[in-house]
Amino acid sequence: MAKIVKETDDVLFNQFGQSKEDIIFFVSMTDDDMAEELENQSVIQMTNAKLVDGFLHRYQ
């Protein structure tokens, strides 16, 4: 998934008035003890670094 998000051309987002640089992308899974870790690691791989810290501290 991370590869697809990274390779998706910005034009796709721009046609909907969005920018990939402003979107927080992450993978979520329920009923799993590692769900939060999966979300954290996936956001690091797929999201603009400027937005990652806010996501990682979302429960504080």
N, C-alpha and C. Protein backbone atom coordinates (compact mmCIF):
# COMPACT_ATOMS: atom_id res chain seq x y z
N MET A 1 0.82 -1.20 0.00
CA MET A 1 0.00 0.00 0.00
C MET A 1 0.86 1.26 0.00
N ALA A 2 1.90 1.23 0.82
CA ALA A 2 2.76 2.40 0.89
C ALA A 2 3.36 2.73 -0.46
N LYS A 3 3.77 1.71 -1.20
CA LYS A 3 4.36 1.93 -2.52
C LYS A 3 3.35 2.59 -3.46
N ILE A 4 2.11 2.12 -3.43
CA ILE A 4 1.08 2.69 -4.31
C ILE A 4 0.81 4.15 -3.95
N VAL A 5 0.70 4.45 -2.67
CA VAL A 5 0.45 5.84 -2.25
C VAL A 5 1.60 6.73 -2.71
N LYS A 6 2.82 6.28 -2.49
CA LYS A 6 3.97 7.08 -2.89
C LYS A 6 4.04 7.30 -4.40
N GLU A 7 3.66 6.28 -5.16
CA GLU A 7 3.76 6.36 -6.62
C GLU A 7 2.56 7.03 -7.28
N THR A 8 1.49 7.25 -6.55
CA THR A 8 0.31 7.89 -7.13
C THR A 8 0.63 9.34 -7.47
N ASP A 9 0.40 9.70 -8.70
CA ASP A 9 0.72 11.04 -9.19
C ASP A 9 -0.14 12.09 -8.49
N ASP A 10 0.46 13.21 -8.16
CA ASP A 10 -0.25 14.31 -7.51
C ASP A 10 -1.44 14.81 -8.33
N VAL A 11 -1.41 14.60 -9.62
CA VAL A 11 -2.50 15.04 -10.49
C VAL A 11 -3.83 14.43 -10.05
N LEU A 12 -3.80 13.18 -9.62
CA LEU A 12 -5.02 12.52 -9.16
C LEU A 12 -5.63 13.26 -7.98
N PHE A 13 -4.81 13.66 -7.04
CA PHE A 13 -5.30 14.39 -5.86
C PHE A 13 -5.72 15.81 -6.22
N ASN A 14 -4.95 16.44 -7.09
CA ASN A 14 -5.22 17.82 -7.48
C ASN A 14 -6.58 17.99 -8.15
N GLN A 15 -7.02 16.99 -8.90
CA GLN A 15 -8.31 17.11 -9.58
C GLN A 15 -9.47 17.14 -8.60
N PHE A 16 -9.23 16.75 -7.36
CA PHE A 16 -10.26 16.83 -6.32
C PHE A 16 -9.97 17.95 -5.32
N GLY A 17 -9.05 18.85 -5.70
CA GLY A 17 -8.72 19.98 -4.85
C GLY A 17 -7.89 19.60 -3.64
N GLN A 18 -7.19 18.49 -3.73
CA GLN A 18 -6.38 17.99 -2.62
C GLN A 18 -4.91 17.97 -3.02
N SER A 19 -4.06 17.81 -2.02
CA SER A 19 -2.64 17.65 -2.25
C SER A 19 -2.15 16.49 -1.40
N LYS A 20 -1.41 15.61 -1.99
CA LYS A 20 -0.88 14.46 -1.25
C LYS A 20 -0.05 14.92 -0.05
N GLU A 21 0.55 16.08 -0.16
CA GLU A 21 1.38 16.62 0.92
C GLU A 21 0.57 17.01 2.16
N ASP A 22 -0.75 17.17 2.01
CA ASP A 22 -1.60 17.60 3.12
C ASP A 22 -2.47 16.49 3.70
N ILE A 23 -2.29 15.27 3.21
CA ILE A 23 -3.12 14.15 3.64
C ILE A 23 -2.31 13.21 4.53
N ILE A 24 -2.92 12.78 5.61
CA ILE A 24 -2.29 11.79 6.48
C ILE A 24 -2.77 10.41 6.02
N PHE A 25 -1.85 9.61 5.54
CA PHE A 25 -2.15 8.25 5.08
C PHE A 25 -1.67 7.28 6.14
N PHE A 26 -2.52 6.30 6.47
CA PHE A 26 -2.10 5.24 7.37
C PHE A 26 -2.97 4.01 7.17
N VAL A 27 -2.45 2.88 7.57
CA VAL A 27 -3.18 1.61 7.52
C VAL A 27 -3.68 1.32 8.92
N SER A 28 -4.93 0.89 9.02
CA SER A 28 -5.50 0.56 10.32
C SER A 28 -6.06 -0.85 10.28
N MET A 29 -5.94 -1.53 11.43
CA MET A 29 -6.45 -2.87 11.55
C MET A 29 -7.07 -3.00 12.93
N THR A 30 -8.26 -3.55 13.00
CA THR A 30 -8.91 -3.72 14.29
C THR A 30 -8.65 -5.14 14.81
N ASP A 31 -8.95 -5.30 16.08
CA ASP A 31 -8.81 -6.61 16.73
C ASP A 31 -7.40 -7.17 16.64
N ASP A 32 -6.44 -6.33 16.82
CA ASP A 32 -5.06 -6.77 16.77
C ASP A 32 -4.27 -5.98 17.81
N ASP A 33 -3.45 -6.65 18.57
CA ASP A 33 -2.66 -5.99 19.61
C ASP A 33 -1.63 -5.02 19.02
N MET A 34 -1.31 -5.20 17.76
CA MET A 34 -0.30 -4.35 17.12
C MET A 34 -0.93 -3.27 16.24
N ALA A 35 -2.21 -3.02 16.39
CA ALA A 35 -2.91 -2.07 15.52
C ALA A 35 -2.28 -0.68 15.57
N GLU A 36 -2.02 -0.17 16.75
CA GLU A 36 -1.44 1.18 16.85
C GLU A 36 -0.05 1.23 16.23
N GLU A 37 0.74 0.20 16.44
CA GLU A 37 2.08 0.16 15.85
C GLU A 37 2.00 0.12 14.32
N LEU A 38 1.05 -0.64 13.79
CA LEU A 38 0.85 -0.68 12.35
C LEU A 38 0.49 0.70 11.82
N GLU A 39 -0.41 1.38 12.50
CA GLU A 39 -0.79 2.73 12.09
C GLU A 39 0.42 3.65 12.11
N ASN A 40 1.19 3.61 13.18
CA ASN A 40 2.35 4.49 13.32
C ASN A 40 3.40 4.23 12.24
N GLN A 41 3.70 2.97 11.99
CA GLN A 41 4.72 2.65 10.99
C GLN A 41 4.24 2.98 9.58
N SER A 42 2.97 2.76 9.32
CA SER A 42 2.47 3.05 7.97
C SER A 42 2.39 4.55 7.71
N VAL A 43 2.04 5.34 8.73
CA VAL A 43 1.99 6.79 8.53
C VAL A 43 3.38 7.34 8.23
N ILE A 44 4.39 6.77 8.85
CA ILE A 44 5.77 7.21 8.61
C ILE A 44 6.16 6.96 7.16
N GLN A 45 5.72 5.84 6.62
CA GLN A 45 6.09 5.47 5.24
C GLN A 45 5.33 6.23 4.18
N MET A 46 4.09 6.63 4.46
CA MET A 46 3.24 7.17 3.40
C MET A 46 2.92 8.65 3.50
N THR A 47 3.26 9.30 4.60
CA THR A 47 2.80 10.66 4.85
C THR A 47 3.95 11.65 4.85
N ASN A 48 3.66 12.85 4.40
CA ASN A 48 4.61 13.96 4.44
C ASN A 48 5.18 14.05 5.86
N ALA A 49 6.49 14.09 5.97
CA ALA A 49 7.17 14.09 7.27
C ALA A 49 6.69 15.22 8.19
N LYS A 50 6.25 16.32 7.63
CA LYS A 50 5.77 17.46 8.44
C LYS A 50 4.50 17.12 9.21
N LEU A 51 3.73 16.14 8.74
CA LEU A 51 2.47 15.79 9.37
C LEU A 51 2.57 14.60 10.33
N VAL A 52 3.65 13.86 10.24
CA VAL A 52 3.78 12.61 10.98
C VAL A 52 3.77 12.81 12.50
N ASP A 53 4.49 13.77 13.01
CA ASP A 53 4.60 13.95 14.46
C ASP A 53 3.24 14.18 15.11
N GLY A 54 2.41 14.98 14.50
CA GLY A 54 1.07 15.22 15.04
C GLY A 54 0.27 13.94 15.12
N PHE A 55 0.41 13.08 14.11
CA PHE A 55 -0.31 11.81 14.13
C PHE A 55 0.22 10.91 15.22
N LEU A 56 1.54 10.83 15.34
CA LEU A 56 2.15 9.93 16.33
C LEU A 56 1.78 10.33 17.76
N HIS A 57 1.44 11.57 17.97
CA HIS A 57 1.08 12.05 19.32
C HIS A 57 -0.42 12.27 19.47
N ARG A 58 -1.22 11.60 18.66
CA ARG A 58 -2.67 11.82 18.65
C ARG A 58 -3.37 11.43 19.93
N TYR A 59 -2.79 10.56 20.74
CA TYR A 59 -3.45 10.12 21.97
C TYR A 59 -2.92 10.84 23.21
N GLN A 60 -2.05 11.78 23.03
CA GLN A 60 -1.48 12.48 24.20
C GLN A 60 -2.25 13.72 24.53
